[in-house]
């Protein structure tokens, strides 16, 4: 495909990401308006760049005429949570939505990857309305804590630096760091009530100054 054809192909994915970002951020606002803790800290999204699509298609041996059906993360969103317990709440919210269809779930939190990676992945089919009609595209939504996201960002950078062949000693340190990050999440969950009360006091103080 040439540049224009790629732009046309990726357009519905870009639309899906932008629409879902607005909708999912809106959930957080609704919790805030009710003065309740939001299980969603923030939401980010992106569409995979063309070189990354081509690289993954080559690695996974996906024909270019099949990437629409077989590549699930061309459109991707990340939903960050403060606490591990918030993740299942967010997953259930996604299951209950009527504007998307969940086609797959992958739990890398209770069954983390060997590398130490933890996150909850939801693959959904999302309908995009364009002047050409309705088109359903696959979107991958990753739900994780801030600590999990910090670790995953570092691991991604190291994978890029070493072209996927991270030295064994660094792998071991990454695994230790992943366990430390998870222990941090567990400790924070233990004092969740104190943290939420502190946030509420700080918010009230900010509103009155």
N, C-alpha and C. Protein backbone atom coordinates (compact mmCIF):
# COMPACT_ATOMS: atom_id res chain seq x y z
N UNK A 1 0.85 -1.20 0.00
CA UNK A 1 0.00 0.00 0.00
C UNK A 1 0.88 1.24 0.00
N UNK A 2 0.42 2.26 -0.70
CA UNK A 2 1.14 3.53 -0.67
C UNK A 2 0.67 4.37 0.52
N UNK A 3 1.27 5.56 0.67
CA UNK A 3 0.98 6.41 1.83
C UNK A 3 -0.52 6.72 1.95
N UNK A 4 -1.14 7.10 0.83
CA UNK A 4 -2.55 7.48 0.87
C UNK A 4 -3.43 6.29 1.26
N UNK A 5 -3.08 5.11 0.74
CA UNK A 5 -3.86 3.92 1.06
C UNK A 5 -3.73 3.55 2.54
N UNK A 6 -2.53 3.71 3.10
CA UNK A 6 -2.35 3.47 4.54
C UNK A 6 -3.17 4.46 5.36
N UNK A 7 -3.17 5.73 4.93
CA UNK A 7 -3.95 6.75 5.64
C UNK A 7 -5.43 6.38 5.65
N UNK A 8 -5.93 5.93 4.53
CA UNK A 8 -7.34 5.54 4.43
C UNK A 8 -7.62 4.30 5.29
N UNK A 9 -6.68 3.36 5.29
CA UNK A 9 -6.85 2.13 6.07
C UNK A 9 -6.87 2.42 7.57
N UNK A 10 -5.99 3.34 8.01
CA UNK A 10 -5.86 3.62 9.44
C UNK A 10 -6.89 4.62 9.96
N UNK A 11 -7.58 5.32 9.08
CA UNK A 11 -8.54 6.35 9.49
C UNK A 11 -9.58 5.84 10.48
N UNK A 12 -10.25 4.70 10.24
CA UNK A 12 -11.25 4.23 11.22
C UNK A 12 -10.63 3.85 12.56
N UNK A 13 -9.37 3.39 12.55
CA UNK A 13 -8.69 3.07 13.81
C UNK A 13 -8.43 4.34 14.61
N UNK A 14 -8.00 5.39 13.92
CA UNK A 14 -7.78 6.67 14.59
C UNK A 14 -9.08 7.21 15.17
N UNK A 15 -10.16 7.06 14.41
CA UNK A 15 -11.46 7.53 14.89
C UNK A 15 -11.89 6.74 16.12
N UNK A 16 -11.67 5.42 16.09
CA UNK A 16 -12.04 4.57 17.23
C UNK A 16 -11.29 4.97 18.49
N UNK A 17 -9.98 5.23 18.36
CA UNK A 17 -9.17 5.62 19.51
C UNK A 17 -9.66 6.94 20.09
N UNK A 18 -9.90 7.92 19.24
CA UNK A 18 -10.34 9.23 19.73
C UNK A 18 -11.70 9.16 20.40
N UNK A 19 -12.63 8.41 19.81
CA UNK A 19 -13.97 8.29 20.39
C UNK A 19 -13.92 7.58 21.74
N UNK A 20 -13.16 6.50 21.82
CA UNK A 20 -13.10 5.74 23.07
C UNK A 20 -12.37 6.50 24.16
N UNK A 21 -11.36 7.28 23.80
CA UNK A 21 -10.67 8.10 24.79
C UNK A 21 -11.66 9.07 25.44
N UNK A 22 -12.48 9.71 24.63
CA UNK A 22 -13.46 10.65 25.18
C UNK A 22 -14.47 9.93 26.07
N UNK A 23 -14.96 8.80 25.61
CA UNK A 23 -15.97 8.05 26.37
C UNK A 23 -15.41 7.53 27.69
N UNK A 24 -14.20 6.96 27.65
CA UNK A 24 -13.64 6.36 28.86
C UNK A 24 -13.18 7.42 29.85
N UNK A 25 -12.68 8.55 29.35
CA UNK A 25 -12.34 9.65 30.25
C UNK A 25 -13.60 10.20 30.90
N UNK A 26 -14.72 10.13 30.17
CA UNK A 26 -15.98 10.60 30.71
C UNK A 26 -16.42 9.82 31.93
N UNK A 27 -16.05 8.54 32.00
CA UNK A 27 -16.39 7.73 33.18
C UNK A 27 -15.75 8.32 34.42
N UNK A 28 -14.46 8.69 34.30
CA UNK A 28 -13.75 9.29 35.43
C UNK A 28 -14.45 10.57 35.89
N UNK A 29 -14.86 11.39 34.94
CA UNK A 29 -15.54 12.64 35.29
C UNK A 29 -16.83 12.39 36.05
N UNK A 30 -17.55 11.34 35.66
CA UNK A 30 -18.81 11.02 36.33
C UNK A 30 -18.58 10.63 37.79
N UNK A 31 -17.53 9.86 38.05
CA UNK A 31 -17.20 9.50 39.43
C UNK A 31 -16.84 10.75 40.23
N UNK A 32 -16.06 11.64 39.61
CA UNK A 32 -15.62 12.86 40.30
C UNK A 32 -16.82 13.75 40.64
N UNK A 33 -17.79 13.84 39.73
CA UNK A 33 -18.97 14.66 39.98
C UNK A 33 -19.78 14.14 41.16
N UNK A 34 -19.72 12.83 41.37
CA UNK A 34 -20.45 12.23 42.50
C UNK A 34 -19.61 12.20 43.76
N UNK A 35 -18.38 12.71 43.67
CA UNK A 35 -17.49 12.71 44.82
C UNK A 35 -17.01 11.34 45.22
N UNK A 36 -16.94 10.42 44.26
CA UNK A 36 -16.53 9.05 44.52
C UNK A 36 -15.16 8.77 43.90
N UNK A 37 -14.49 7.75 44.45
CA UNK A 37 -13.20 7.33 43.89
C UNK A 37 -13.40 6.78 42.50
N UNK A 38 -12.63 7.26 41.54
CA UNK A 38 -12.70 6.74 40.18
C UNK A 38 -11.70 5.60 40.02
N UNK A 39 -12.15 4.44 39.53
CA UNK A 39 -11.20 3.35 39.28
C UNK A 39 -10.26 3.65 38.12
N UNK A 40 -10.58 4.69 37.35
CA UNK A 40 -9.75 5.08 36.21
C UNK A 40 -8.95 6.32 36.60
N UNK A 41 -7.63 6.21 36.55
CA UNK A 41 -6.77 7.35 36.85
C UNK A 41 -6.60 8.21 35.61
N UNK A 42 -6.23 7.61 34.49
CA UNK A 42 -6.22 8.34 33.22
C UNK A 42 -6.20 7.35 32.07
N UNK A 43 -6.46 7.87 30.86
CA UNK A 43 -6.58 7.05 29.66
C UNK A 43 -5.69 7.62 28.56
N UNK A 44 -4.93 6.76 27.89
CA UNK A 44 -4.15 7.18 26.73
C UNK A 44 -4.49 6.27 25.57
N UNK A 45 -4.15 6.69 24.36
CA UNK A 45 -4.43 5.88 23.19
C UNK A 45 -3.51 6.22 22.04
N UNK A 46 -3.36 5.28 21.15
CA UNK A 46 -2.53 5.49 19.96
C UNK A 46 -2.92 4.51 18.87
N UNK A 47 -2.55 4.85 17.64
CA UNK A 47 -2.66 3.92 16.51
C UNK A 47 -1.25 3.50 16.13
N UNK A 48 -1.04 2.22 15.96
CA UNK A 48 0.30 1.68 15.67
C UNK A 48 0.83 2.29 14.36
N UNK A 49 2.06 2.80 14.37
CA UNK A 49 2.65 3.35 13.15
C UNK A 49 2.82 2.27 12.08
N UNK A 50 2.80 2.69 10.82
CA UNK A 50 2.90 1.75 9.71
C UNK A 50 4.15 0.87 9.81
N UNK A 51 5.36 1.41 10.09
CA UNK A 51 6.54 0.53 10.21
C UNK A 51 6.37 -0.55 11.27
N UNK A 52 5.70 -0.21 12.39
CA UNK A 52 5.46 -1.20 13.45
C UNK A 52 4.48 -2.27 13.00
N UNK A 53 3.47 -1.86 12.23
CA UNK A 53 2.51 -2.83 11.69
C UNK A 53 3.22 -3.80 10.76
N UNK A 54 4.06 -3.27 9.88
CA UNK A 54 4.77 -4.12 8.92
C UNK A 54 5.74 -5.05 9.63
N UNK A 55 6.42 -4.52 10.66
CA UNK A 55 7.38 -5.34 11.41
C UNK A 55 6.66 -6.49 12.13
N UNK A 56 5.54 -6.18 12.76
CA UNK A 56 4.80 -7.22 13.48
C UNK A 56 4.21 -8.24 12.51
N UNK A 57 3.71 -7.77 11.37
CA UNK A 57 3.16 -8.67 10.37
C UNK A 57 4.23 -9.66 9.89
N UNK A 58 5.44 -9.16 9.74
CA UNK A 58 6.54 -10.02 9.31
C UNK A 58 6.89 -11.03 10.38
N UNK A 59 6.99 -10.57 11.66
CA UNK A 59 7.36 -11.46 12.76
C UNK A 59 6.31 -12.53 13.00
N UNK A 60 5.04 -12.13 12.90
CA UNK A 60 3.93 -13.05 13.18
C UNK A 60 3.44 -13.79 11.93
N UNK A 61 4.10 -13.49 10.80
CA UNK A 61 3.73 -14.11 9.51
C UNK A 61 2.26 -13.89 9.18
N UNK A 62 1.84 -12.62 9.32
CA UNK A 62 0.47 -12.24 8.99
C UNK A 62 0.47 -11.59 7.60
N UNK A 63 -0.24 -12.16 6.63
CA UNK A 63 -0.32 -11.52 5.30
C UNK A 63 -0.96 -10.14 5.41
N UNK A 64 -0.52 -9.20 4.58
CA UNK A 64 -1.03 -7.84 4.68
C UNK A 64 -2.54 -7.77 4.44
N UNK A 65 -3.07 -8.70 3.65
CA UNK A 65 -4.51 -8.67 3.41
C UNK A 65 -5.30 -9.30 4.57
N UNK A 66 -4.58 -9.75 5.63
CA UNK A 66 -5.24 -10.36 6.78
C UNK A 66 -5.04 -9.56 8.07
N UNK A 67 -4.28 -8.45 8.01
CA UNK A 67 -3.96 -7.74 9.25
C UNK A 67 -5.20 -7.16 9.92
N UNK A 68 -6.21 -6.83 9.14
CA UNK A 68 -7.43 -6.27 9.72
C UNK A 68 -8.11 -7.24 10.67
N UNK A 69 -8.03 -8.55 10.34
CA UNK A 69 -8.67 -9.57 11.16
C UNK A 69 -7.71 -10.17 12.19
N UNK A 70 -6.42 -10.22 11.88
CA UNK A 70 -5.49 -10.98 12.72
C UNK A 70 -4.59 -10.13 13.61
N UNK A 71 -4.52 -8.83 13.35
CA UNK A 71 -3.71 -7.97 14.21
C UNK A 71 -4.64 -7.18 15.12
N UNK A 72 -4.59 -7.49 16.42
CA UNK A 72 -5.59 -6.96 17.34
C UNK A 72 -5.24 -5.61 17.94
N UNK A 73 -4.00 -5.16 17.79
CA UNK A 73 -3.57 -3.96 18.51
C UNK A 73 -3.18 -2.80 17.59
N UNK A 74 -3.74 -2.75 16.38
CA UNK A 74 -3.48 -1.59 15.53
C UNK A 74 -3.99 -0.34 16.25
N UNK A 75 -5.18 -0.44 16.82
CA UNK A 75 -5.70 0.61 17.70
C UNK A 75 -5.51 0.14 19.13
N UNK A 76 -4.90 0.98 19.95
CA UNK A 76 -4.63 0.59 21.32
C UNK A 76 -4.94 1.68 22.32
N UNK A 77 -5.53 1.29 23.45
CA UNK A 77 -5.77 2.22 24.55
C UNK A 77 -5.21 1.63 25.83
N UNK A 78 -4.77 2.52 26.73
CA UNK A 78 -4.32 2.10 28.06
C UNK A 78 -5.12 2.85 29.10
N UNK A 79 -5.63 2.08 30.05
CA UNK A 79 -6.39 2.66 31.15
C UNK A 79 -5.60 2.41 32.43
N UNK A 80 -5.19 3.48 33.10
CA UNK A 80 -4.39 3.36 34.31
C UNK A 80 -5.28 3.43 35.55
N UNK A 81 -4.95 2.59 36.52
CA UNK A 81 -5.68 2.54 37.78
C UNK A 81 -4.71 2.78 38.94
N UNK A 82 -5.23 3.31 40.04
CA UNK A 82 -4.40 3.49 41.22
C UNK A 82 -4.15 2.17 41.93
N UNK A 83 -5.17 1.32 41.99
CA UNK A 83 -5.09 0.10 42.78
C UNK A 83 -5.38 -1.13 41.93
N UNK A 84 -4.77 -2.26 42.31
CA UNK A 84 -5.00 -3.51 41.59
C UNK A 84 -6.49 -3.86 41.58
N UNK A 85 -7.16 -3.62 42.70
CA UNK A 85 -8.58 -3.93 42.79
C UNK A 85 -9.44 -3.15 41.83
N UNK A 86 -8.95 -1.99 41.39
CA UNK A 86 -9.71 -1.17 40.43
C UNK A 86 -9.76 -1.82 39.05
N UNK A 87 -8.77 -2.65 38.75
CA UNK A 87 -8.67 -3.21 37.40
C UNK A 87 -9.90 -4.04 37.05
N UNK A 88 -10.32 -4.92 37.96
CA UNK A 88 -11.50 -5.74 37.67
C UNK A 88 -12.77 -4.90 37.56
N UNK A 89 -12.83 -3.81 38.32
CA UNK A 89 -13.98 -2.91 38.19
C UNK A 89 -14.04 -2.31 36.79
N UNK A 90 -12.88 -1.91 36.28
CA UNK A 90 -12.81 -1.33 34.93
C UNK A 90 -13.15 -2.38 33.88
N UNK A 91 -12.63 -3.59 34.06
CA UNK A 91 -12.93 -4.67 33.12
C UNK A 91 -14.43 -4.94 33.07
N UNK A 92 -15.08 -4.96 34.24
CA UNK A 92 -16.52 -5.20 34.28
C UNK A 92 -17.28 -4.07 33.61
N UNK A 93 -16.81 -2.84 33.78
CA UNK A 93 -17.44 -1.70 33.09
C UNK A 93 -17.39 -1.89 31.57
N UNK A 94 -16.25 -2.38 31.09
CA UNK A 94 -16.12 -2.62 29.64
C UNK A 94 -17.06 -3.74 29.20
N UNK A 95 -17.17 -4.78 30.01
CA UNK A 95 -18.07 -5.89 29.67
C UNK A 95 -19.52 -5.42 29.59
N UNK A 96 -19.86 -4.45 30.43
CA UNK A 96 -21.26 -3.99 30.51
C UNK A 96 -21.62 -2.96 29.43
N UNK A 97 -20.64 -2.47 28.69
CA UNK A 97 -20.93 -1.45 27.68
C UNK A 97 -21.64 -2.05 26.48
N UNK A 98 -22.51 -1.23 25.85
CA UNK A 98 -23.26 -1.68 24.69
C UNK A 98 -22.68 -1.13 23.38
N UNK A 99 -21.65 -0.29 23.48
CA UNK A 99 -21.09 0.30 22.27
C UNK A 99 -19.83 -0.41 21.79
N UNK A 100 -19.51 -1.55 22.40
CA UNK A 100 -18.40 -2.37 21.92
C UNK A 100 -18.67 -3.83 22.26
N UNK A 101 -18.01 -4.70 21.52
CA UNK A 101 -18.18 -6.15 21.72
C UNK A 101 -16.83 -6.75 22.10
N UNK A 102 -16.75 -7.32 23.29
CA UNK A 102 -15.50 -7.93 23.72
C UNK A 102 -15.34 -9.29 23.05
N UNK A 103 -14.19 -9.48 22.40
CA UNK A 103 -13.95 -10.74 21.69
C UNK A 103 -12.89 -11.60 22.38
N UNK A 104 -12.09 -10.99 23.26
CA UNK A 104 -11.05 -11.76 23.95
C UNK A 104 -10.58 -11.01 25.19
N UNK A 105 -10.24 -11.76 26.23
CA UNK A 105 -9.62 -11.19 27.43
C UNK A 105 -8.38 -12.00 27.76
N UNK A 106 -7.31 -11.29 28.16
CA UNK A 106 -6.07 -11.97 28.56
C UNK A 106 -5.61 -11.38 29.89
N UNK A 107 -5.58 -12.23 30.89
CA UNK A 107 -5.23 -11.79 32.25
C UNK A 107 -3.75 -12.08 32.51
N UNK A 108 -2.92 -11.04 32.39
CA UNK A 108 -1.49 -11.17 32.67
C UNK A 108 -1.16 -10.64 34.07
N UNK A 109 -2.18 -10.54 34.92
CA UNK A 109 -1.94 -10.10 36.30
C UNK A 109 -1.88 -11.32 37.22
N UNK A 110 -2.93 -12.14 37.17
CA UNK A 110 -2.89 -13.37 37.98
C UNK A 110 -1.98 -14.42 37.33
N UNK A 111 -1.79 -14.29 36.01
CA UNK A 111 -0.87 -15.19 35.29
C UNK A 111 0.10 -14.32 34.49
N UNK A 112 1.03 -13.70 35.21
CA UNK A 112 1.96 -12.78 34.54
C UNK A 112 2.90 -13.52 33.61
N UNK A 113 3.44 -12.80 32.64
CA UNK A 113 4.38 -13.39 31.70
C UNK A 113 5.70 -13.69 32.41
N UNK A 114 6.49 -14.56 31.79
CA UNK A 114 7.77 -14.95 32.37
C UNK A 114 8.68 -13.75 32.61
N UNK A 115 8.58 -12.75 31.75
CA UNK A 115 9.41 -11.54 31.87
C UNK A 115 9.08 -10.74 33.12
N UNK A 116 7.86 -10.95 33.67
CA UNK A 116 7.40 -10.16 34.81
C UNK A 116 6.27 -9.23 34.42
N UNK A 117 5.97 -9.14 33.13
CA UNK A 117 4.93 -8.24 32.62
C UNK A 117 3.58 -8.55 33.23
N UNK A 118 2.92 -7.50 33.71
CA UNK A 118 1.57 -7.64 34.26
C UNK A 118 0.65 -6.58 33.65
N UNK A 119 -0.51 -7.00 33.23
CA UNK A 119 -1.51 -6.09 32.68
C UNK A 119 -2.74 -6.94 32.35
N UNK A 120 -3.89 -6.31 32.20
CA UNK A 120 -5.09 -7.02 31.78
C UNK A 120 -5.46 -6.50 30.39
N UNK A 121 -5.55 -7.40 29.42
CA UNK A 121 -5.84 -7.00 28.05
C UNK A 121 -7.26 -7.38 27.67
N UNK A 122 -7.95 -6.43 27.09
CA UNK A 122 -9.28 -6.67 26.55
C UNK A 122 -9.24 -6.32 25.07
N UNK A 123 -9.63 -7.27 24.22
CA UNK A 123 -9.74 -7.00 22.79
C UNK A 123 -11.21 -6.85 22.47
N UNK A 124 -11.56 -5.72 21.87
CA UNK A 124 -12.96 -5.44 21.59
C UNK A 124 -13.15 -5.06 20.13
N UNK A 125 -14.33 -5.34 19.63
CA UNK A 125 -14.70 -4.89 18.28
C UNK A 125 -15.56 -3.65 18.45
N UNK A 126 -15.10 -2.53 17.87
CA UNK A 126 -15.78 -1.25 18.07
C UNK A 126 -16.30 -0.71 16.74
N UNK A 127 -17.57 -0.32 16.67
CA UNK A 127 -18.15 0.19 15.42
C UNK A 127 -17.83 1.67 15.21
N UNK A 128 -17.32 1.97 14.03
CA UNK A 128 -17.03 3.35 13.65
C UNK A 128 -17.95 3.75 12.52
N UNK A 129 -18.61 4.89 12.66
CA UNK A 129 -19.52 5.38 11.63
C UNK A 129 -18.79 6.40 10.76
N UNK A 130 -18.69 6.14 9.47
CA UNK A 130 -18.06 7.08 8.54
C UNK A 130 -18.99 7.32 7.37
N UNK A 131 -18.58 8.20 6.45
CA UNK A 131 -19.44 8.49 5.30
C UNK A 131 -19.56 7.28 4.37
N UNK A 132 -18.67 6.30 4.54
CA UNK A 132 -18.74 5.07 3.75
C UNK A 132 -19.62 4.02 4.42
N UNK A 133 -20.10 4.33 5.63
CA UNK A 133 -20.96 3.39 6.35
C UNK A 133 -20.32 2.90 7.63
N UNK A 134 -20.91 1.88 8.24
CA UNK A 134 -20.44 1.35 9.52
C UNK A 134 -19.29 0.38 9.29
N UNK A 135 -18.23 0.55 10.09
CA UNK A 135 -17.09 -0.35 10.01
C UNK A 135 -16.68 -0.72 11.42
N UNK A 136 -16.51 -2.02 11.67
CA UNK A 136 -16.09 -2.48 13.00
C UNK A 136 -14.60 -2.79 12.98
N UNK A 137 -13.87 -2.20 13.93
CA UNK A 137 -12.43 -2.41 13.99
C UNK A 137 -12.06 -3.00 15.35
N UNK A 138 -10.96 -3.75 15.36
CA UNK A 138 -10.47 -4.33 16.60
C UNK A 138 -9.65 -3.30 17.37
N UNK A 139 -9.89 -3.25 18.67
CA UNK A 139 -9.16 -2.33 19.55
C UNK A 139 -8.66 -3.14 20.75
N UNK A 140 -7.39 -2.96 21.10
CA UNK A 140 -6.86 -3.61 22.29
C UNK A 140 -6.80 -2.58 23.43
N UNK A 141 -7.43 -2.93 24.55
CA UNK A 141 -7.44 -2.04 25.72
C UNK A 141 -6.63 -2.71 26.82
N UNK A 142 -5.58 -2.04 27.27
CA UNK A 142 -4.75 -2.56 28.35
C UNK A 142 -5.10 -1.82 29.64
N UNK A 143 -5.40 -2.59 30.69
CA UNK A 143 -5.74 -1.99 31.98
C UNK A 143 -4.66 -2.41 32.97
N UNK A 144 -4.04 -1.43 33.62
CA UNK A 144 -2.93 -1.73 34.53
C UNK A 144 -2.80 -0.63 35.57
N UNK A 145 -2.04 -0.91 36.62
CA UNK A 145 -1.76 0.12 37.62
C UNK A 145 -0.62 1.01 37.12
N UNK A 146 -0.40 2.11 37.83
CA UNK A 146 0.68 3.02 37.47
C UNK A 146 2.03 2.33 37.61
N UNK A 147 2.18 1.50 38.64
CA UNK A 147 3.44 0.78 38.84
C UNK A 147 3.68 -0.22 37.71
N UNK A 148 2.64 -0.94 37.32
CA UNK A 148 2.76 -1.88 36.20
C UNK A 148 3.13 -1.15 34.91
N UNK A 149 2.55 0.03 34.73
CA UNK A 149 2.81 0.79 33.50
C UNK A 149 4.24 1.30 33.47
N UNK A 150 4.76 1.73 34.62
CA UNK A 150 6.14 2.19 34.69
C UNK A 150 7.08 1.07 34.28
N UNK A 151 6.85 -0.13 34.84
CA UNK A 151 7.70 -1.27 34.52
C UNK A 151 7.61 -1.62 33.04
N UNK A 152 6.38 -1.67 32.51
CA UNK A 152 6.18 -2.06 31.11
C UNK A 152 6.83 -1.07 30.15
N UNK A 153 6.80 0.21 30.50
CA UNK A 153 7.43 1.24 29.66
C UNK A 153 8.94 1.03 29.60
N UNK A 154 9.55 0.74 30.75
CA UNK A 154 11.00 0.49 30.79
C UNK A 154 11.35 -0.77 30.00
N UNK A 155 10.56 -1.83 30.20
CA UNK A 155 10.83 -3.09 29.50
C UNK A 155 10.70 -2.92 28.00
N UNK A 156 9.72 -2.13 27.56
CA UNK A 156 9.52 -1.87 26.13
C UNK A 156 10.73 -1.15 25.54
N UNK A 157 11.25 -0.16 26.27
CA UNK A 157 12.42 0.59 25.81
C UNK A 157 13.64 -0.31 25.70
N UNK A 158 13.83 -1.19 26.69
CA UNK A 158 14.97 -2.10 26.65
C UNK A 158 14.84 -3.12 25.51
N UNK A 159 13.63 -3.58 25.27
CA UNK A 159 13.40 -4.49 24.14
C UNK A 159 13.77 -3.82 22.82
N UNK A 160 13.41 -2.54 22.72
CA UNK A 160 13.74 -1.78 21.50
C UNK A 160 15.24 -1.62 21.37
N UNK A 161 15.91 -1.28 22.48
CA UNK A 161 17.36 -1.06 22.47
C UNK A 161 18.10 -2.32 22.05
N UNK A 162 17.67 -3.47 22.58
CA UNK A 162 18.38 -4.73 22.32
C UNK A 162 17.70 -5.57 21.24
N UNK A 163 16.80 -4.96 20.47
CA UNK A 163 16.10 -5.65 19.37
C UNK A 163 15.46 -6.96 19.82
N UNK A 164 14.88 -6.93 21.02
CA UNK A 164 14.18 -8.11 21.54
C UNK A 164 15.07 -9.13 22.21
N UNK A 165 16.38 -8.90 22.22
CA UNK A 165 17.31 -9.84 22.85
C UNK A 165 17.97 -9.20 24.07
N UNK A 166 17.19 -8.99 25.12
CA UNK A 166 17.70 -8.36 26.33
C UNK A 166 18.70 -9.31 27.00
N UNK A 167 19.87 -8.80 27.40
CA UNK A 167 20.86 -9.65 28.09
C UNK A 167 20.27 -10.32 29.33
N UNK A 168 20.72 -11.53 29.62
CA UNK A 168 20.15 -12.34 30.69
C UNK A 168 20.20 -11.63 32.04
N UNK A 169 21.32 -10.95 32.33
CA UNK A 169 21.45 -10.28 33.62
C UNK A 169 20.41 -9.18 33.78
N UNK A 170 20.13 -8.46 32.69
CA UNK A 170 19.12 -7.40 32.74
C UNK A 170 17.73 -8.02 32.87
N UNK A 171 17.51 -9.16 32.21
CA UNK A 171 16.22 -9.86 32.33
C UNK A 171 15.94 -10.21 33.79
N UNK A 172 16.97 -10.71 34.47
CA UNK A 172 16.81 -11.08 35.88
C UNK A 172 16.45 -9.87 36.72
N UNK A 173 17.13 -8.75 36.46
CA UNK A 173 16.83 -7.53 37.21
C UNK A 173 15.43 -7.02 36.90
N UNK A 174 15.02 -7.16 35.66
CA UNK A 174 13.66 -6.75 35.28
C UNK A 174 12.61 -7.59 36.01
N UNK A 175 12.86 -8.88 36.12
CA UNK A 175 11.94 -9.76 36.84
C UNK A 175 11.84 -9.36 38.31
N UNK A 176 13.00 -9.02 38.90
CA UNK A 176 13.00 -8.56 40.29
C UNK A 176 12.23 -7.25 40.43
N UNK A 177 12.44 -6.36 39.47
CA UNK A 177 11.75 -5.07 39.49
C UNK A 177 10.24 -5.26 39.35
N UNK A 178 9.85 -6.23 38.52
CA UNK A 178 8.42 -6.51 38.34
C UNK A 178 7.79 -6.99 39.65
N UNK A 179 8.50 -7.85 40.36
CA UNK A 179 7.98 -8.33 41.65
C UNK A 179 7.92 -7.20 42.67
N UNK A 180 8.93 -6.33 42.63
CA UNK A 180 8.93 -5.18 43.55
C UNK A 180 7.76 -4.25 43.25
N UNK A 181 7.48 -4.04 41.95
CA UNK A 181 6.36 -3.18 41.56
C UNK A 181 5.04 -3.79 42.03
N UNK A 182 4.93 -5.11 41.92
CA UNK A 182 3.69 -5.76 42.35
C UNK A 182 3.53 -5.70 43.86
N UNK A 183 4.65 -5.85 44.60
CA UNK A 183 4.58 -5.72 46.06
C UNK A 183 4.16 -4.30 46.44
N UNK A 184 4.64 -3.31 45.68
CA UNK A 184 4.22 -1.92 45.92
C UNK A 184 2.72 -1.78 45.74
N UNK A 185 2.19 -2.38 44.66
CA UNK A 185 0.74 -2.34 44.43
C UNK A 185 -0.02 -2.99 45.58
N UNK A 186 0.49 -4.10 46.07
CA UNK A 186 -0.17 -4.80 47.18
C UNK A 186 -0.16 -3.96 48.45
N UNK A 187 0.97 -3.31 48.73
CA UNK A 187 1.07 -2.45 49.92
C UNK A 187 0.11 -1.27 49.81
N UNK A 188 0.05 -0.67 48.63
CA UNK A 188 -0.85 0.47 48.43
C UNK A 188 -2.31 0.04 48.59
N UNK A 189 -2.61 -1.18 48.18
CA UNK A 189 -3.98 -1.68 48.34
C UNK A 189 -4.34 -1.84 49.81
N UNK A 190 -3.33 -2.17 50.64
CA UNK A 190 -3.56 -2.35 52.07
C UNK A 190 -3.93 -1.03 52.75
N UNK A 191 -3.40 0.08 52.22
CA UNK A 191 -3.69 1.39 52.84
C UNK A 191 -4.58 2.23 51.91
N UNK A 192 -5.36 1.54 51.11
CA UNK A 192 -6.23 2.21 50.12
C UNK A 192 -7.13 3.26 50.77
N UNK A 193 -7.74 2.89 51.89
CA UNK A 193 -8.66 3.81 52.57
C UNK A 193 -7.97 5.10 52.99
N UNK A 194 -6.77 4.98 53.55
CA UNK A 194 -6.01 6.16 53.96
C UNK A 194 -5.66 7.05 52.77
N UNK A 195 -5.26 6.41 51.66
CA UNK A 195 -4.89 7.17 50.47
C UNK A 195 -6.09 7.92 49.92
N UNK A 196 -7.24 7.26 49.84
CA UNK A 196 -8.43 7.90 49.30
C UNK A 196 -8.89 9.05 50.19
N UNK A 197 -8.79 8.86 51.52
CA UNK A 197 -9.17 9.94 52.44
C UNK A 197 -8.24 11.14 52.28
N UNK A 198 -6.94 10.86 52.10
CA UNK A 198 -5.97 11.94 51.91
C UNK A 198 -6.27 12.71 50.62
N UNK A 199 -6.62 11.97 49.56
CA UNK A 199 -6.97 12.62 48.29
C UNK A 199 -8.19 13.52 48.46
N UNK A 200 -9.19 13.01 49.19
CA UNK A 200 -10.42 13.78 49.39
C UNK A 200 -10.15 15.06 50.17
N UNK A 201 -9.32 14.98 51.22
CA UNK A 201 -8.97 16.16 52.02
C UNK A 201 -8.22 17.17 51.16
N UNK A 202 -7.28 16.67 50.36
CA UNK A 202 -6.48 17.57 49.50
C UNK A 202 -7.37 18.25 48.46
N UNK A 203 -8.31 17.49 47.89
CA UNK A 203 -9.21 18.06 46.88
C UNK A 203 -10.08 19.15 47.48
N UNK A 204 -10.62 18.91 48.69
CA UNK A 204 -11.45 19.93 49.33
C UNK A 204 -10.65 21.18 49.65
N UNK A 205 -9.42 21.00 50.07
CA UNK A 205 -8.55 22.14 50.39
C UNK A 205 -8.25 22.94 49.13
N UNK A 206 -8.01 22.26 48.03
CA UNK A 206 -7.72 22.92 46.75
C UNK A 206 -8.90 23.73 46.27
N UNK A 207 -10.11 23.18 46.45
CA UNK A 207 -11.33 23.86 46.00
C UNK A 207 -11.61 25.14 46.80
N UNK A 208 -11.14 25.20 48.04
CA UNK A 208 -11.45 26.36 48.89
C UNK A 208 -10.35 27.43 48.87
N UNK A 209 -9.26 27.15 48.15
CA UNK A 209 -8.16 28.14 48.08
C UNK A 209 -8.14 28.84 46.74
